[in-house]
Amino acid sequence: MPYAAPPIPPAAVWPPPAGPPPARAGRRAATALCLVLGLGLIGGATAGTVINHGPRQPAPVADGSAEAFATARDVWRNTPVDQLFPPRYSDRSGGPGGAERSWTRIGVAPPAGCAGAFDPLLQKVLAPIGCVRLLRATYMDSTSTTVTTVGLLVTSAQAPAMNALHLRWDTDGLGRRGDLIPRAAAFPGTAAASFGDEQRGSWTVQVSADLPFVVYAVSGFADGRAVPVPQPADKADAQGATTAMAQAGLGFDATGLASTVDDRLRTAVMAELHPATAREPRR
């Protein structure tokens, strides 16, 4: 029987309450409320969101100064959970063959440290940029076929270290290495209850060069099947790809969700650093 998403109660805060995710407040709820004054407070919630991403070429947000990085590093504390990880996403052409794709959030993990959150080798690669907090949410697609964990690593690094890892990640092709896949966040009683290391099917990692953040997503099948050879998202969503991961849209899940969270994070930082020029995330 397909998994039925639980009813969605009022908006979550950091740390989010136990239980199912927040309620839909309308498709275009107040994204302009990018930040809420005071630690841990919430304002509006962006609940239903339509996204349509182009190539990943985000414009620089911070100037690389220690002051800008310090401000950006604290943005997650003041941003509503629903703004970074909305209860629902929709992408009009976000699936295989340009099909519409949508996701429902089925769990939000409390902010945590990074101990045990990554496989040992990935933990070693990320060690130079440090870990302030790790935020994670898991989603299910509208067909109840796939589950995807999106993670936001808030680092303690300054601009030189972030830029160095960004360059290394691209130059050395670290994003395609099967021994550098992020771990999923499973949630008991949901379609992601058995989402563990063996169930990881596709993934993407976006290392920011101009902000103290790493955004990633890892996707798998909702029926809990193991995936012997995971496929990076850029291969799984390539035109003509015929693997099970590609046909199920696992690459599209990882790419679409990670890119959207990254957009929302940048919008929140822009609102704090450059309030006069802040804009809504791409839709």
Protein backbone atom coordinates (compact mmCIF):
# COMPACT_ATOMS: atom_id res chain seq x y z
CA MET A 1 0.00 0.00 0.00
CA PRO A 2 1.46 3.45 -0.93
CA TYR A 3 2.62 5.50 2.02
CA ALA A 4 0.13 8.19 3.00
CA ALA A 5 1.67 11.40 4.27
CA PRO A 6 0.48 12.29 7.79
CA PRO A 7 -1.59 15.41 8.49
CA ILE A 8 0.54 18.52 8.81
CA PRO A 9 0.24 20.67 11.99
CA PRO A 10 1.51 24.26 12.66
CA ALA A 11 4.95 25.50 11.65
CA ALA A 12 8.12 24.10 13.19
CA VAL A 13 10.91 26.00 14.92
CA TRP A 14 14.58 25.23 15.56
CA PRO A 15 14.74 22.67 17.04
CA PRO A 16 11.59 21.29 15.36
CA PRO A 17 9.04 19.42 17.48
CA ALA A 18 8.69 15.66 17.22
CA GLY A 19 6.04 14.36 14.87
CA PRO A 20 4.89 15.20 11.35
CA PRO A 21 5.82 18.39 9.47
CA PRO A 22 4.18 21.83 9.45
CA ALA A 23 1.00 22.83 7.70
CA ARG A 24 0.69 24.25 4.24
CA ALA A 25 0.17 27.96 4.49
CA GLY A 26 -0.41 28.57 0.79
CA ARG A 27 1.70 28.29 -2.33
CA ARG A 28 3.38 31.64 -2.07
CA ALA A 29 3.47 32.32 1.67
CA ALA A 30 5.62 35.17 2.79
CA THR A 31 9.07 34.41 1.46
CA ALA A 32 9.88 38.05 2.10
CA LEU A 33 10.08 37.15 5.78
CA CYS A 34 13.54 35.76 5.21
CA LEU A 35 14.61 36.25 8.77
CA VAL A 36 12.77 36.52 12.05
CA LEU A 37 14.25 38.64 14.82
CA GLY A 38 15.45 36.74 17.87
CA LEU A 39 17.02 33.30 18.21
CA GLY A 40 14.76 30.37 17.50
CA LEU A 41 11.72 32.49 16.67
CA ILE A 42 9.50 31.84 13.70
CA GLY A 43 7.60 34.10 11.41
CA GLY A 44 5.83 33.14 8.22
CA ALA A 45 6.16 29.71 6.63
CA THR A 46 6.66 28.96 2.98
CA ALA A 47 4.66 25.81 2.68
CA GLY A 48 3.80 25.03 -0.92
CA THR A 49 6.54 25.97 -3.39
CA VAL A 50 6.91 25.70 -7.13
CA ILE A 51 10.51 25.58 -8.30
CA ASN A 52 12.10 25.54 -11.70
CA HIS A 53 15.87 25.48 -11.63
CA GLY A 54 18.32 26.33 -14.35
CA PRO A 55 22.07 25.62 -14.32
CA ARG A 56 23.71 25.98 -10.92
CA GLN A 57 25.58 29.28 -11.18
CA PRO A 58 24.66 31.09 -7.96
CA ALA A 59 25.76 34.70 -7.76
CA PRO A 60 28.15 35.53 -4.90
CA VAL A 61 26.36 36.69 -1.77
CA ALA A 62 29.08 37.41 0.80
CA ASP A 63 32.23 39.43 0.19
CA GLY A 64 34.47 36.90 1.90
CA SER A 65 35.08 38.99 4.99
CA ALA A 66 35.07 37.41 8.43
CA GLU A 67 32.18 39.69 9.41
CA ALA A 68 30.03 38.58 6.47
CA PHE A 69 30.77 34.92 7.14
CA ALA A 70 29.90 35.34 10.82
CA THR A 71 26.56 36.90 9.91
CA ALA A 72 25.79 34.21 7.33
CA ARG A 73 26.75 31.45 9.75
CA ASP A 74 24.00 32.51 12.18
CA VAL A 75 21.22 32.91 9.63
CA TRP A 76 19.84 29.40 10.15
CA ARG A 77 19.10 30.21 13.82
CA ASN A 78 16.68 32.98 12.89
CA THR A 79 15.12 31.48 9.77
CA PRO A 80 11.85 29.51 10.00
CA VAL A 81 12.29 25.79 9.44
CA ASP A 82 9.61 25.91 6.77
CA GLN A 83 11.54 28.54 4.86
CA LEU A 84 14.68 26.42 4.51
CA PHE A 85 12.88 23.06 4.31
CA PRO A 86 9.30 23.75 3.15
CA PRO A 87 6.68 21.06 3.79
CA ARG A 88 6.12 20.67 0.04
CA TYR A 89 8.13 21.32 -3.14
CA SER A 90 6.93 21.17 -6.72
CA ASP A 91 8.99 21.44 -9.90
CA ARG A 92 7.02 21.67 -13.13
CA SER A 93 9.77 19.96 -15.13
CA GLY A 94 11.82 18.39 -12.36
CA GLY A 95 11.50 14.71 -13.30
CA PRO A 96 12.70 12.36 -16.05
CA GLY A 97 11.72 13.60 -19.48
CA GLY A 98 10.70 16.98 -18.10
CA ALA A 99 7.80 15.54 -16.12
CA GLU A 100 6.41 17.42 -13.14
CA ARG A 101 7.94 16.35 -9.84
CA SER A 102 6.77 17.13 -6.31
CA TRP A 103 7.84 16.14 -2.81
CA THR A 104 6.36 16.16 0.70
CA ARG A 105 8.49 16.58 3.79
CA ILE A 106 8.10 13.61 6.14
CA GLY A 107 10.65 14.47 8.83
CA VAL A 108 12.94 17.19 10.17
CA ALA A 109 15.86 16.28 12.42
CA PRO A 110 16.85 18.54 15.31
CA PRO A 111 20.02 20.59 14.71
CA ALA A 112 22.99 18.37 15.53
CA GLY A 113 26.75 18.07 15.43
CA CYS A 114 28.56 16.13 12.72
CA ALA A 115 29.92 13.21 14.75
CA GLY A 116 28.83 10.04 12.96
CA ALA A 117 26.77 12.00 10.43
CA PHE A 118 29.04 11.18 7.47
CA ASP A 119 30.96 8.14 6.29
CA PRO A 120 34.54 8.24 7.64
CA LEU A 121 36.21 9.30 4.39
CA LEU A 122 33.71 12.08 3.72
CA GLN A 123 34.10 13.19 7.34
CA LYS A 124 37.85 13.46 6.70
CA VAL A 125 37.36 15.48 3.50
CA LEU A 126 35.02 17.90 5.28
CA ALA A 127 37.15 18.20 8.42
CA PRO A 128 39.15 21.29 7.25
CA ILE A 129 35.98 23.40 7.10
CA GLY A 130 34.66 22.37 10.53
CA CYS A 131 31.11 21.85 11.72
CA VAL A 132 28.91 24.30 13.63
CA ARG A 133 25.57 22.59 13.00
CA LEU A 134 24.04 20.00 10.70
CA LEU A 135 20.39 20.47 9.64
CA ARG A 136 18.51 17.70 7.82
CA ALA A 137 15.05 16.99 6.43
CA THR A 138 13.72 14.00 4.51
CA TYR A 139 11.15 14.09 1.71
CA MET A 140 9.01 11.60 -0.21
CA ASP A 141 7.98 12.08 -3.83
CA SER A 142 4.32 12.30 -4.81
CA THR A 143 4.23 8.73 -6.15
CA SER A 144 5.49 7.31 -2.84
CA THR A 145 8.38 5.76 -4.78
CA THR A 146 11.43 7.66 -3.57
CA VAL A 147 12.76 9.31 -0.42
CA THR A 148 15.42 12.02 -0.24
CA THR A 149 17.37 13.53 2.65
CA VAL A 150 18.54 17.12 2.23
CA GLY A 151 21.33 18.29 4.51
CA LEU A 152 22.74 21.71 5.35
CA LEU A 153 26.18 21.72 6.96
CA VAL A 154 26.96 25.04 8.65
CA THR A 155 30.74 25.22 8.73
CA SER A 156 33.17 27.11 10.96
CA ALA A 157 35.46 27.93 8.03
CA GLN A 158 36.36 31.28 6.56
CA ALA A 159 36.37 32.15 2.85
CA PRO A 160 39.83 30.72 1.94
CA ALA A 161 39.00 27.25 3.31
CA MET A 162 35.56 27.19 1.68
CA ASN A 163 36.96 28.27 -1.67
CA ALA A 164 39.73 25.67 -1.45
CA LEU A 165 37.29 22.82 -0.81
CA HIS A 166 34.95 24.10 -3.52
CA LEU A 167 37.79 24.02 -6.06
CA ARG A 168 39.01 20.63 -4.88
CA TRP A 169 35.53 19.17 -5.03
CA ASP A 170 35.14 20.16 -8.67
CA THR A 171 38.71 19.70 -9.86
CA ASP A 172 39.21 16.26 -8.30
CA GLY A 173 35.73 15.02 -9.19
CA LEU A 174 34.90 14.24 -5.57
CA GLY A 175 31.18 14.57 -6.26
CA ARG A 176 31.21 11.40 -8.33
CA ARG A 177 33.05 9.18 -5.88
CA GLY A 178 30.95 6.40 -4.40
CA ASP A 179 32.95 6.49 -1.17
CA LEU A 180 31.95 10.12 -0.53
CA ILE A 181 28.15 9.77 -0.37
CA PRO A 182 26.39 11.61 2.47
CA ARG A 183 24.31 9.59 4.89
CA ALA A 184 20.51 9.70 4.91
CA ALA A 185 18.25 10.63 7.82
CA ALA A 186 15.68 7.90 8.53
CA PHE A 187 12.42 8.62 10.38
CA PRO A 188 10.56 5.75 12.09
CA GLY A 189 6.94 5.32 11.06
CA THR A 190 7.47 6.98 7.68
CA ALA A 191 8.43 5.88 4.18
CA ALA A 192 12.02 6.67 5.18
CA ALA A 193 12.04 4.31 8.17
CA SER A 194 14.60 2.01 6.52
CA PHE A 195 16.57 4.68 4.67
CA GLY A 196 20.11 3.67 5.60
CA ASP A 197 23.54 3.39 4.03
CA GLU A 198 22.63 0.43 1.79
CA GLN A 199 19.56 2.24 0.44
CA ARG A 200 21.43 5.26 -0.91
CA GLY A 201 20.86 5.40 -4.67
CA SER A 202 21.90 8.85 -5.90
CA TRP A 203 23.39 11.99 -4.42
CA THR A 204 24.76 15.47 -4.95
CA VAL A 205 26.96 17.73 -2.81
CA GLN A 206 27.18 21.51 -3.34
CA VAL A 207 30.15 23.13 -1.59
CA SER A 208 29.75 26.90 -1.43
CA ALA A 209 32.75 29.03 -2.35
CA ASP A 210 31.40 32.28 -0.90
CA LEU A 211 29.43 31.15 2.17
CA PRO A 212 30.14 28.84 5.13
CA PHE A 213 27.76 26.12 3.91
CA VAL A 214 27.65 22.72 2.26
CA VAL A 215 24.26 21.60 0.94
CA TYR A 216 23.74 17.99 -0.07
CA ALA A 217 20.99 15.53 -0.90
CA VAL A 218 20.90 11.73 -1.05
CA SER A 219 17.97 9.77 -2.45
CA GLY A 220 16.76 6.17 -2.42
CA PHE A 221 13.73 3.95 -2.96
CA ALA A 222 10.83 4.19 -0.52
CA ASP A 223 10.42 0.39 -0.43
CA GLY A 224 13.77 0.08 1.34
CA ARG A 225 15.56 -1.86 -1.39
CA ALA A 226 19.36 -1.88 -1.32
CA VAL A 227 21.24 -0.22 -4.19
CA PRO A 228 24.50 -2.09 -4.91
CA VAL A 229 26.05 0.66 -7.07
CA PRO A 230 24.75 4.19 -6.35
CA GLN A 231 24.92 6.73 -9.16
CA PRO A 232 25.80 10.43 -8.77
CA ALA A 233 22.93 12.75 -9.63
CA ASP A 234 24.57 14.27 -12.69
CA LYS A 235 24.74 10.80 -14.23
CA ALA A 236 21.37 9.58 -12.96
CA ASP A 237 19.53 12.54 -14.46
CA ALA A 238 21.52 12.64 -17.72
CA GLN A 239 19.53 12.36 -20.93
CA GLY A 240 19.30 8.75 -22.06
CA ALA A 241 20.28 7.25 -18.68
CA THR A 242 18.61 3.85 -18.26
CA THR A 243 19.62 2.66 -14.79
CA ALA A 244 16.93 1.96 -12.20
CA MET A 245 18.04 5.07 -10.32
CA ALA A 246 17.67 7.18 -13.47
CA GLN A 247 14.27 5.79 -14.42
CA ALA A 248 12.95 6.35 -10.90
CA GLY A 249 14.19 9.96 -10.94
CA LEU A 250 16.56 9.61 -7.98
CA GLY A 251 19.04 12.00 -9.56
CA PHE A 252 16.32 14.56 -10.16
CA ASP A 253 15.19 14.25 -6.54
CA ALA A 254 18.68 14.91 -5.22
CA THR A 255 19.48 17.76 -7.61
CA GLY A 256 16.13 19.53 -7.33
CA LEU A 257 15.87 19.43 -3.56
CA ALA A 258 19.51 20.36 -2.86
CA SER A 259 19.42 23.26 -5.31
CA THR A 260 16.19 24.61 -3.87
CA VAL A 261 17.44 24.53 -0.29
CA ASP A 262 20.63 26.23 -1.45
CA ASP A 263 18.57 28.94 -3.17
CA ARG A 264 16.49 29.51 -0.05
CA LEU A 265 19.55 29.68 2.15
CA ARG A 266 21.16 32.25 -0.13
CA THR A 267 17.98 34.31 -0.13
CA ALA A 268 17.97 34.35 3.67
CA VAL A 269 21.63 35.38 3.80
CA MET A 270 21.06 38.06 1.15
CA ALA A 271 18.20 39.49 3.21
CA GLU A 272 20.52 39.81 6.20
CA LEU A 273 23.62 41.10 4.41
CA HIS A 274 21.94 43.15 1.67
CA PRO A 275 18.34 43.87 2.72
CA ALA A 276 17.83 46.44 0.00
CA THR A 277 18.53 43.96 -2.79
CA ALA A 278 17.15 40.71 -1.32
CA ARG A 279 14.77 38.80 -3.56
CA GLU A 280 12.62 35.69 -3.44
CA PRO A 281 14.22 32.39 -4.45
CA ARG A 282 13.76 31.23 -8.03
CA ARG A 283 10.46 29.46 -8.66
